[in-house]
Amino acid sequence: MAALLPPVRRSKPEWWWPYFLSVVVVLFLLWQLAPGRVFVFLEWLSPFRVGTPWISGTVVDAVTGKPVPGMDVCLLVTYAPVNFDHRRSSEVMRSVVTRTDVSGRFFFERRDDELDWFDHWEGYGIAVTDPAAQWKDACGKGIYLLEASYPSGGHSDIFRIEAYFQSLSDSPAKNPLPYFPAALVKDPTDPHPLPYGRSVSFGHFPDGTLVRKIGEPSKLKIALVPLLGDENECRSARDSDSAELCRAMNESLTADDLRKIWKFSPPGQ
């Protein structure tokens, strides 16, 4: 009796073949019907395409909880260009400035950008500044979200620049008092773009006050802290987190310096 031969095992087709053929068929049909869309699709798949999502949020007063209109909001996107001497540097890819509306809301539309070969996309950040104060940033002139320049040129601490303007003899009194700026980045310990200049008084503030984590970009709620004459006024904040944020910033050395040079309006004006 002849020995039984073992059954011949049929090789199974690779699992990815049906998907690959489906993609080829779809691309062929698109090429026949609308060749322009094929280029758009391939461009979207490009590894050099980066972009910022839809960003929207509301700016509120940390003490009253009410919306704050008229605040400048800066979106800054940076990248690291190819550098063959192995020294990494940052450059501004895109900068946009908008202003909060009467409801304290702002938004930035989604936008895609293209990187060149070997460039590295660093990310984006947002800075909210009070245009009534001279510490507002000229968005896009540097890789820093919070930065200021003297009129004669050169960079300075964003709070020292305010002291400079308030020390001028013709500097008008401002009422109400301004809000402290705030920067929102993906990772405060490794921020891109950098939220503050090289000489900013960042060390005078506790962590998480001046520079904060951005969170969900489409549902931002940014609490701005006003400069108050007395940090005890923070007790009237609507919740404990806002009260602590207000207290921490108004007890800072920078707040004390600003009170010494800020010109308060007389009561009732």
C-alpha atoms as a PDB file:
ATOM      1  CA  MET A   1       0.000   0.000   0.000  1.00  0.00           C
ATOM      2  CA  ALA A   2       1.447   3.303  -1.029  1.00  0.00           C
ATOM      3  CA  ALA A   3       2.405   5.635   1.725  1.00  0.00           C
ATOM      4  CA  LEU A   4       0.048   8.508   2.222  1.00  0.00           C
ATOM      5  CA  LEU A   5       1.572  11.795   1.175  1.00  0.00           C
ATOM      6  CA  PRO A   6       1.099  14.785   3.474  1.00  0.00           C
ATOM      7  CA  PRO A   7      -1.410  17.294   2.181  1.00  0.00           C
ATOM      8  CA  VAL A   8       0.086  20.174   0.277  1.00  0.00           C
ATOM      9  CA  ARG A   9      -0.412  23.433   2.142  1.00  0.00           C
ATOM     10  CA  ARG A  10      -1.554  26.235  -0.050  1.00  0.00           C
ATOM     11  CA  SER A  11       0.215  29.522   0.535  1.00  0.00           C
ATOM     12  CA  LYS A  12      -2.118  32.232   1.682  1.00  0.00           C
ATOM     13  CA  PRO A  13      -2.016  35.520  -0.169  1.00  0.00           C
ATOM     14  CA  GLU A  14      -0.513  38.449   1.693  1.00  0.00           C
ATOM     15  CA  TRP A  15      -3.193  40.315   3.643  1.00  0.00           C
ATOM     16  CA  TRP A  16      -2.225  43.707   2.279  1.00  0.00           C
ATOM     17  CA  TRP A  17      -2.696  42.851  -1.403  1.00  0.00           C
ATOM     18  CA  PRO A  18      -6.472  43.486  -1.539  1.00  0.00           C
ATOM     19  CA  TYR A  19      -6.029  46.885   0.120  1.00  0.00           C
ATOM     20  CA  PHE A  20      -3.190  47.809  -2.203  1.00  0.00           C
ATOM     21  CA  LEU A  21      -5.223  46.874  -5.278  1.00  0.00           C
ATOM     22  CA  SER A  22      -8.200  48.843  -3.966  1.00  0.00           C
ATOM     23  CA  VAL A  23      -6.063  51.965  -3.558  1.00  0.00           C
ATOM     24  CA  VAL A  24      -4.651  51.548  -7.060  1.00  0.00           C
ATOM     25  CA  VAL A  25      -8.147  51.196  -8.531  1.00  0.00           C
ATOM     26  CA  VAL A  26      -9.418  54.252  -6.662  1.00  0.00           C
ATOM     27  CA  LEU A  27      -6.458  56.365  -7.747  1.00  0.00           C
ATOM     28  CA  PHE A  28      -6.880  55.200 -11.351  1.00  0.00           C
ATOM     29  CA  LEU A  29     -10.554  56.150 -11.351  1.00  0.00           C
ATOM     30  CA  LEU A  30      -9.822  59.520  -9.775  1.00  0.00           C
ATOM     31  CA  TRP A  31      -7.109  60.120 -12.351  1.00  0.00           C
ATOM     32  CA  GLN A  32      -9.586  59.424 -15.135  1.00  0.00           C
ATOM     33  CA  LEU A  33     -12.395  61.514 -13.650  1.00  0.00           C
ATOM     34  CA  ALA A  34     -10.550  64.330 -11.860  1.00  0.00           C
ATOM     35  CA  PRO A  35      -6.745  64.231 -12.167  1.00  0.00           C
ATOM     36  CA  GLY A  36      -6.373  67.446 -10.172  1.00  0.00           C
ATOM     37  CA  ARG A  37      -7.777  65.794  -7.074  1.00  0.00           C
ATOM     38  CA  VAL A  38      -5.151  63.076  -7.247  1.00  0.00           C
ATOM     39  CA  PHE A  39      -2.418  65.674  -6.859  1.00  0.00           C
ATOM     40  CA  VAL A  40      -4.269  67.216  -3.921  1.00  0.00           C
ATOM     41  CA  PHE A  41      -4.592  63.792  -2.298  1.00  0.00           C
ATOM     42  CA  LEU A  42      -0.925  62.940  -2.787  1.00  0.00           C
ATOM     43  CA  GLU A  43       0.074  66.368  -1.463  1.00  0.00           C
ATOM     44  CA  TRP A  44      -2.028  65.750   1.645  1.00  0.00           C
ATOM     45  CA  LEU A  45      -0.105  62.488   2.226  1.00  0.00           C
ATOM     46  CA  SER A  46       3.216  64.271   1.940  1.00  0.00           C
ATOM     47  CA  PRO A  47       5.478  63.849   5.005  1.00  0.00           C
ATOM     48  CA  PHE A  48       6.495  67.505   4.577  1.00  0.00           C
ATOM     49  CA  ARG A  49       2.960  68.773   5.190  1.00  0.00           C
ATOM     50  CA  VAL A  50       2.338  70.183   8.642  1.00  0.00           C
ATOM     51  CA  GLY A  51      -0.308  72.470  10.002  1.00  0.00           C
ATOM     52  CA  THR A  52      -2.179  74.010  12.862  1.00  0.00           C
ATOM     53  CA  PRO A  53      -5.702  72.887  13.792  1.00  0.00           C
ATOM     54  CA  TRP A  54      -8.780  75.040  14.168  1.00  0.00           C
ATOM     55  CA  ILE A  55      -8.149  77.079  17.314  1.00  0.00           C
ATOM     56  CA  SER A  56     -10.856  78.893  19.228  1.00  0.00           C
ATOM     57  CA  GLY A  57     -11.426  80.000  22.772  1.00  0.00           C
ATOM     58  CA  THR A  58     -12.706  82.569  25.222  1.00  0.00           C
ATOM     59  CA  VAL A  59     -10.669  85.015  27.291  1.00  0.00           C
ATOM     60  CA  VAL A  60     -12.151  85.773  30.712  1.00  0.00           C
ATOM     61  CA  ASP A  61     -11.239  87.837  33.746  1.00  0.00           C
ATOM     62  CA  ALA A  62      -9.755  85.559  36.396  1.00  0.00           C
ATOM     63  CA  VAL A  63     -11.483  87.499  39.176  1.00  0.00           C
ATOM     64  CA  THR A  64     -14.945  88.324  37.806  1.00  0.00           C
ATOM     65  CA  GLY A  65     -15.209  85.467  35.308  1.00  0.00           C
ATOM     66  CA  LYS A  66     -16.591  87.887  32.720  1.00  0.00           C
ATOM     67  CA  PRO A  67     -15.422  87.856  29.074  1.00  0.00           C
ATOM     68  CA  VAL A  68     -12.591  90.250  28.251  1.00  0.00           C
ATOM     69  CA  PRO A  69     -12.965  91.934  24.840  1.00  0.00           C
ATOM     70  CA  GLY A  70     -10.234  93.756  22.954  1.00  0.00           C
ATOM     71  CA  MET A  71      -7.310  91.512  23.919  1.00  0.00           C
ATOM     72  CA  ASP A  72      -4.633  90.766  21.328  1.00  0.00           C
ATOM     73  CA  VAL A  73      -4.191  87.056  20.576  1.00  0.00           C
ATOM     74  CA  CYS A  74      -1.037  85.972  18.745  1.00  0.00           C
ATOM     75  CA  LEU A  75      -0.616  82.620  17.011  1.00  0.00           C
ATOM     76  CA  LEU A  76       3.010  81.790  16.305  1.00  0.00           C
ATOM     77  CA  VAL A  77       4.226  78.725  14.369  1.00  0.00           C
ATOM     78  CA  THR A  78       7.938  77.892  14.288  1.00  0.00           C
ATOM     79  CA  TYR A  79      10.217  75.408  12.585  1.00  0.00           C
ATOM     80  CA  ALA A  80      13.881  74.448  12.660  1.00  0.00           C
ATOM     81  CA  PRO A  81      15.484  74.800   9.199  1.00  0.00           C
ATOM     82  CA  VAL A  82      18.130  72.387   8.025  1.00  0.00           C
ATOM     83  CA  ASN A  83      21.521  73.322   9.409  1.00  0.00           C
ATOM     84  CA  PHE A  84      24.538  71.335   8.285  1.00  0.00           C
ATOM     85  CA  ASP A  85      26.770  72.571  11.112  1.00  0.00           C
ATOM     86  CA  HIS A  86      24.516  70.643  13.552  1.00  0.00           C
ATOM     87  CA  ARG A  87      23.438  73.753  15.451  1.00  0.00           C
ATOM     88  CA  ARG A  88      19.696  73.897  15.834  1.00  0.00           C
ATOM     89  CA  SER A  89      17.913  77.199  15.364  1.00  0.00           C
ATOM     90  CA  SER A  90      14.283  78.275  15.207  1.00  0.00           C
ATOM     91  CA  GLU A  91      12.519  80.372  12.616  1.00  0.00           C
ATOM     92  CA  VAL A  92       9.020  81.799  12.331  1.00  0.00           C
ATOM     93  CA  MET A  93       6.926  79.874   9.821  1.00  0.00           C
ATOM     94  CA  ARG A  94       3.677  81.778  10.318  1.00  0.00           C
ATOM     95  CA  SER A  95       2.294  84.427  12.635  1.00  0.00           C
ATOM     96  CA  VAL A  96      -1.251  85.758  12.909  1.00  0.00           C
ATOM     97  CA  VAL A  97      -2.762  88.319  15.266  1.00  0.00           C
ATOM     98  CA  THR A  98      -6.440  88.641  16.074  1.00  0.00           C
ATOM     99  CA  ARG A  99      -8.451  90.339  18.813  1.00  0.00           C
ATOM    100  CA  THR A 100     -11.159  89.062  21.149  1.00  0.00           C
ATOM    101  CA  ASP A 101     -14.690  90.175  20.312  1.00  0.00           C
ATOM    102  CA  VAL A 102     -17.318  91.596  22.668  1.00  0.00           C
ATOM    103  CA  SER A 103     -17.883  88.089  24.040  1.00  0.00           C
ATOM    104  CA  GLY A 104     -14.180  87.543  24.673  1.00  0.00           C
ATOM    105  CA  ARG A 105     -14.006  84.965  21.879  1.00  0.00           C
ATOM    106  CA  PHE A 106     -11.340  84.478  19.216  1.00  0.00           C
ATOM    107  CA  PHE A 107     -10.491  81.889  16.596  1.00  0.00           C
ATOM    108  CA  PHE A 108      -7.850  80.912  14.055  1.00  0.00           C
ATOM    109  CA  GLU A 109      -8.775  78.841  11.018  1.00  0.00           C
ATOM    110  CA  ARG A 110      -6.994  75.591  10.276  1.00  0.00           C
ATOM    111  CA  ARG A 111      -4.088  75.961   7.878  1.00  0.00           C
ATOM    112  CA  ASP A 112      -1.525  73.585   6.384  1.00  0.00           C
ATOM    113  CA  ASP A 113       2.052  74.509   5.545  1.00  0.00           C
ATOM    114  CA  GLU A 114       4.813  72.786   3.619  1.00  0.00           C
ATOM    115  CA  LEU A 115       8.282  72.095   4.996  1.00  0.00           C
ATOM    116  CA  ASP A 116      11.399  71.924   2.894  1.00  0.00           C
ATOM    117  CA  TRP A 117      13.630  68.839   2.890  1.00  0.00           C
ATOM    118  CA  PHE A 118      15.124  68.041   6.321  1.00  0.00           C
ATOM    119  CA  ASP A 119      13.300  70.936   8.037  1.00  0.00           C
ATOM    120  CA  HIS A 120      11.716  70.133  11.389  1.00  0.00           C
ATOM    121  CA  TRP A 121       8.325  71.476  12.471  1.00  0.00           C
ATOM    122  CA  GLU A 122       8.506  72.614  16.090  1.00  0.00           C
ATOM    123  CA  GLY A 123       4.909  73.511  16.820  1.00  0.00           C
ATOM    124  CA  TYR A 124       2.726  76.470  17.654  1.00  0.00           C
ATOM    125  CA  GLY A 125       1.747  78.562  20.620  1.00  0.00           C
ATOM    126  CA  ILE A 126      -0.631  81.359  21.588  1.00  0.00           C
ATOM    127  CA  ALA A 127      -0.007  84.547  23.514  1.00  0.00           C
ATOM    128  CA  VAL A 128      -2.745  86.805  24.906  1.00  0.00           C
ATOM    129  CA  THR A 129      -1.697  90.368  25.716  1.00  0.00           C
ATOM    130  CA  ASP A 130      -3.421  93.561  26.761  1.00  0.00           C
ATOM    131  CA  PRO A 131      -2.999  96.271  24.086  1.00  0.00           C
ATOM    132  CA  ALA A 132      -3.463  98.914  26.802  1.00  0.00           C
ATOM    133  CA  ALA A 133      -0.109  97.852  28.264  1.00  0.00           C
ATOM    134  CA  GLN A 134       3.223  98.383  26.557  1.00  0.00           C
ATOM    135  CA  TRP A 135       4.269  94.785  27.193  1.00  0.00           C
ATOM    136  CA  LYS A 136       2.320  93.502  24.180  1.00  0.00           C
ATOM    137  CA  ASP A 137       4.346  91.460  21.721  1.00  0.00           C
ATOM    138  CA  ALA A 138       4.897  92.349  18.096  1.00  0.00           C
ATOM    139  CA  CYS A 139       3.782  88.928  16.937  1.00  0.00           C
ATOM    140  CA  GLY A 140       5.999  87.343  14.335  1.00  0.00           C
ATOM    141  CA  LYS A 141       9.139  89.442  14.739  1.00  0.00           C
ATOM    142  CA  GLY A 142      10.835  86.812  16.852  1.00  0.00           C
ATOM    143  CA  ILE A 143      10.450  83.198  17.924  1.00  0.00           C
ATOM    144  CA  TYR A 144       9.127  84.331  21.312  1.00  0.00           C
ATOM    145  CA  LEU A 145       5.455  84.615  22.166  1.00  0.00           C
ATOM    146  CA  LEU A 146       6.079  87.168  24.917  1.00  0.00           C
ATOM    147  CA  GLU A 147       8.698  89.685  23.956  1.00  0.00           C
ATOM    148  CA  ALA A 148       9.044  93.462  23.718  1.00  0.00           C
ATOM    149  CA  SER A 149      11.429  95.934  22.130  1.00  0.00           C
ATOM    150  CA  TYR A 150      12.530  99.402  23.134  1.00  0.00           C
ATOM    151  CA  PRO A 151      11.663 102.144  20.623  1.00  0.00           C
ATOM    152  CA  SER A 152      15.380 102.665  20.003  1.00  0.00           C
ATOM    153  CA  GLY A 153      15.794  98.979  19.155  1.00  0.00           C
ATOM    154  CA  GLY A 154      16.915  95.927  21.040  1.00  0.00           C
ATOM    155  CA  HIS A 155      14.936  93.549  23.197  1.00  0.00           C
ATOM    156  CA  SER A 156      13.928  93.862  26.802  1.00  0.00           C
ATOM    157  CA  ASP A 157      12.059  92.131  29.545  1.00  0.00           C
ATOM    158  CA  ILE A 158       8.336  92.384  28.762  1.00  0.00           C
ATOM    159  CA  PHE A 159       7.665  93.907  32.175  1.00  0.00           C
ATOM    160  CA  ARG A 160      10.672  96.196  32.275  1.00  0.00           C
ATOM    161  CA  ILE A 161       9.461  97.747  29.035  1.00  0.00           C
ATOM    162  CA  GLU A 162       6.199  98.621  30.774  1.00  0.00           C
ATOM    163  CA  ALA A 163       8.114 100.248  33.604  1.00  0.00           C
ATOM    164  CA  TYR A 164      10.000 102.291  31.044  1.00  0.00           C
ATOM    165  CA  PHE A 165       6.852 103.659  29.399  1.00  0.00           C
ATOM    166  CA  GLN A 166       5.115 104.352  32.687  1.00  0.00           C
ATOM    167  CA  SER A 167       8.131 106.337  33.905  1.00  0.00           C
ATOM    168  CA  LEU A 168       7.752 108.842  31.064  1.00  0.00           C
ATOM    169  CA  SER A 169       6.363 112.220  32.110  1.00  0.00           C
ATOM    170  CA  ASP A 170       3.637 112.151  29.453  1.00  0.00           C
ATOM    171  CA  SER A 171       2.522 108.602  30.189  1.00  0.00           C
ATOM    172  CA  PRO A 172      -1.256 108.733  30.813  1.00  0.00           C
ATOM    173  CA  ALA A 173      -2.909 107.043  33.761  1.00  0.00           C
ATOM    174  CA  LYS A 174      -4.767 103.908  32.788  1.00  0.00           C
ATOM    175  CA  ASN A 175      -7.988 102.762  34.354  1.00  0.00           C
ATOM    176  CA  PRO A 176      -8.827  99.936  34.648  1.00  0.00           C
ATOM    177  CA  LEU A 177      -5.452  98.390  35.349  1.00  0.00           C
ATOM    178  CA  PRO A 178      -4.017  96.124  32.659  1.00  0.00           C
ATOM    179  CA  TYR A 179      -3.995  92.347  32.505  1.00  0.00           C
ATOM    180  CA  PHE A 180      -0.901  90.213  32.832  1.00  0.00           C
ATOM    181  CA  PRO A 181      -0.057  88.442  29.558  1.00  0.00           C
ATOM    182  CA  ALA A 182      -0.382  84.688  29.208  1.00  0.00           C
ATOM    183  CA  ALA A 183       1.333  82.238  26.866  1.00  0.00           C
ATOM    184  CA  LEU A 184      -0.113  78.839  25.975  1.00  0.00           C
ATOM    185  CA  VAL A 185       2.176  76.116  24.621  1.00  0.00           C
ATOM    186  CA  LYS A 186       1.986  72.362  24.137  1.00  0.00           C
ATOM    187  CA  ASP A 187       4.680  71.591  26.701  1.00  0.00           C
ATOM    188  CA  PRO A 188       5.736  74.353  29.136  1.00  0.00           C
ATOM    189  CA  THR A 189       8.907  72.408  30.031  1.00  0.00           C
ATOM    190  CA  ASP A 190       9.976  72.266  26.367  1.00  0.00           C
ATOM    191  CA  PRO A 191       8.007  75.023  24.653  1.00  0.00           C
ATOM    192  CA  HIS A 192       7.828  75.656  20.910  1.00  0.00           C
ATOM    193  CA  PRO A 193       7.605  78.480  20.155  1.00  0.00           C
ATOM    194  CA  LEU A 194       9.463  79.888  23.130  1.00  0.00           C
ATOM    195  CA  PRO A 195       6.988  81.828  25.276  1.00  0.00           C
ATOM    196  CA  TYR A 196       9.361  84.428  26.694  1.00  0.00           C
ATOM    197  CA  GLY A 197      12.527  86.299  25.835  1.00  0.00           C
ATOM    198  CA  ARG A 198      15.966  85.616  27.203  1.00  0.00           C
ATOM    199  CA  SER A 199      15.721  88.263  29.924  1.00  0.00           C
ATOM    200  CA  VAL A 200      12.038  88.095  30.864  1.00  0.00           C
ATOM    201  CA  SER A 201      11.003  88.091  34.532  1.00  0.00           C
ATOM    202  CA  PHE A 202       9.664  84.578  34.190  1.00  0.00           C
ATOM    203  CA  GLY A 203      11.422  83.484  37.355  1.00  0.00           C
ATOM    204  CA  HIS A 204       9.317  85.931  39.347  1.00  0.00           C
ATOM    205  CA  PHE A 205       6.171  83.930  38.679  1.00  0.00           C
ATOM    206  CA  PRO A 206       5.176  80.490  39.951  1.00  0.00           C
ATOM    207  CA  ASP A 207       4.926  77.716  37.372  1.00  0.00           C
ATOM    208  CA  GLY A 208       1.698  77.616  35.415  1.00  0.00           C
ATOM    209  CA  THR A 209       0.809  81.295  35.761  1.00  0.00           C
ATOM    210  CA  LEU A 210       2.512  83.181  32.947  1.00  0.00           C
ATOM    211  CA  VAL A 211       3.112  80.115  30.741  1.00  0.00           C
ATOM    212  CA  ARG A 212       0.467  77.388  30.645  1.00  0.00           C
ATOM    213  CA  LYS A 213      -0.360  74.172  28.789  1.00  0.00           C
ATOM    214  CA  ILE A 214      -2.591  74.806  25.803  1.00  0.00           C
ATOM    215  CA  GLY A 215      -4.987  71.875  26.188  1.00  0.00           C
ATOM    216  CA  GLU A 216      -7.760  71.210  23.638  1.00  0.00           C
ATOM    217  CA  PRO A 217      -7.174  73.884  20.951  1.00  0.00           C
ATOM    218  CA  SER A 218     -10.818  74.136  19.889  1.00  0.00           C
ATOM    219  CA  LYS A 219     -12.175  74.705  23.418  1.00  0.00           C
ATOM    220  CA  LEU A 220      -9.746  77.075  25.096  1.00  0.00           C
ATOM    221  CA  LYS A 221     -10.709  79.115  28.133  1.00  0.00           C
ATOM    222  CA  ILE A 222      -7.968  81.543  29.098  1.00  0.00           C
ATOM    223  CA  ALA A 223      -8.164  83.357  32.425  1.00  0.00           C
ATOM    224  CA  LEU A 224      -6.270  86.652  32.425  1.00  0.00           C
ATOM    225  CA  VAL A 225      -5.190  88.092  35.757  1.00  0.00           C
ATOM    226  CA  PRO A 226      -5.515  91.854  36.224  1.00  0.00           C
ATOM    227  CA  LEU A 227      -2.808  93.820  37.994  1.00  0.00           C
ATOM    228  CA  LEU A 228      -4.491  94.771  41.277  1.00  0.00           C
ATOM    229  CA  GLY A 229      -3.594  97.379  43.847  1.00  0.00           C
ATOM    230  CA  ASP A 230      -3.734  94.703  46.563  1.00  0.00           C
ATOM    231  CA  GLU A 231      -3.481  90.943  46.184  1.00  0.00           C
ATOM    232  CA  ASN A 232      -6.233  90.574  48.809  1.00  0.00           C
ATOM    233  CA  GLU A 233      -8.689  91.672  46.128  1.00  0.00           C
ATOM    234  CA  CYS A 234      -8.219  88.232  44.595  1.00  0.00           C
ATOM    235  CA  ARG A 235     -10.447  86.781  47.319  1.00  0.00           C
ATOM    236  CA  SER A 236     -13.486  87.920  45.368  1.00  0.00           C
ATOM    237  CA  ALA A 237     -12.688  85.515  42.521  1.00  0.00           C
ATOM    238  CA  ARG A 238     -15.551  83.214  41.571  1.00  0.00           C
ATOM    239  CA  ASP A 239     -13.627  79.971  42.172  1.00  0.00           C
ATOM    240  CA  SER A 240     -10.619  78.819  44.178  1.00  0.00           C
ATOM    241  CA  ASP A 241      -8.413  78.080  41.147  1.00  0.00           C
ATOM    242  CA  SER A 242      -8.857  81.587  39.763  1.00  0.00           C
ATOM    243  CA  ALA A 243      -8.293  83.084  43.206  1.00  0.00           C
ATOM    244  CA  GLU A 244      -5.018  81.171  43.581  1.00  0.00           C
ATOM    245  CA  LEU A 245      -3.883  82.163  40.084  1.00  0.00           C
ATOM    246  CA  CYS A 246      -4.659  85.805  40.811  1.00  0.00           C
ATOM    247  CA  ARG A 247      -2.924  85.724  44.172  1.00  0.00           C
ATOM    248  CA  ALA A 248       0.206  84.050  42.817  1.00  0.00           C
ATOM    249  CA  MET A 249       0.643  86.645  40.069  1.00  0.00           C
ATOM    250  CA  ASN A 250      -0.212  89.692  42.182  1.00  0.00           C
ATOM    251  CA  GLU A 251       2.143  88.584  44.945  1.00  0.00           C
ATOM    252  CA  SER A 252       5.047  88.298  42.510  1.00  0.00           C
ATOM    253  CA  LEU A 253       8.045  90.608  42.586  1.00  0.00           C
ATOM    254  CA  THR A 254       7.103  91.846  39.134  1.00  0.00           C
ATOM    255  CA  ALA A 255       3.670  92.939  40.365  1.00  0.00           C
ATOM    256  CA  ASP A 256       5.302  94.891  43.197  1.00  0.00           C
ATOM    257  CA  ASP A 257       7.621  96.597  40.712  1.00  0.00           C
ATOM    258  CA  LEU A 258       4.727  97.520  38.438  1.00  0.00           C
ATOM    259  CA  ARG A 259       2.672  99.011  41.271  1.00  0.00           C
ATOM    260  CA  LYS A 260       5.539 101.342  42.147  1.00  0.00           C
ATOM    261  CA  ILE A 261       5.594 102.915  38.702  1.00  0.00           C
ATOM    262  CA  TRP A 262       2.006 102.460  37.483  1.00  0.00           C
ATOM    263  CA  LYS A 263      -0.053 105.627  37.659  1.00  0.00           C
ATOM    264  CA  PHE A 264      -3.357 104.889  39.337  1.00  0.00           C
ATOM    265  CA  SER A 265      -6.358 106.944  38.322  1.00  0.00           C
ATOM    266  CA  PRO A 266      -8.044 108.834  41.168  1.00  0.00           C
ATOM    267  CA  PRO A 267     -11.081 107.055  42.673  1.00  0.00           C
ATOM    268  CA  GLY A 268     -14.307 107.698  40.812  1.00  0.00           C
ATOM    269  CA  GLN A 269     -12.644 108.440  37.468  1.00  0.00           C
END
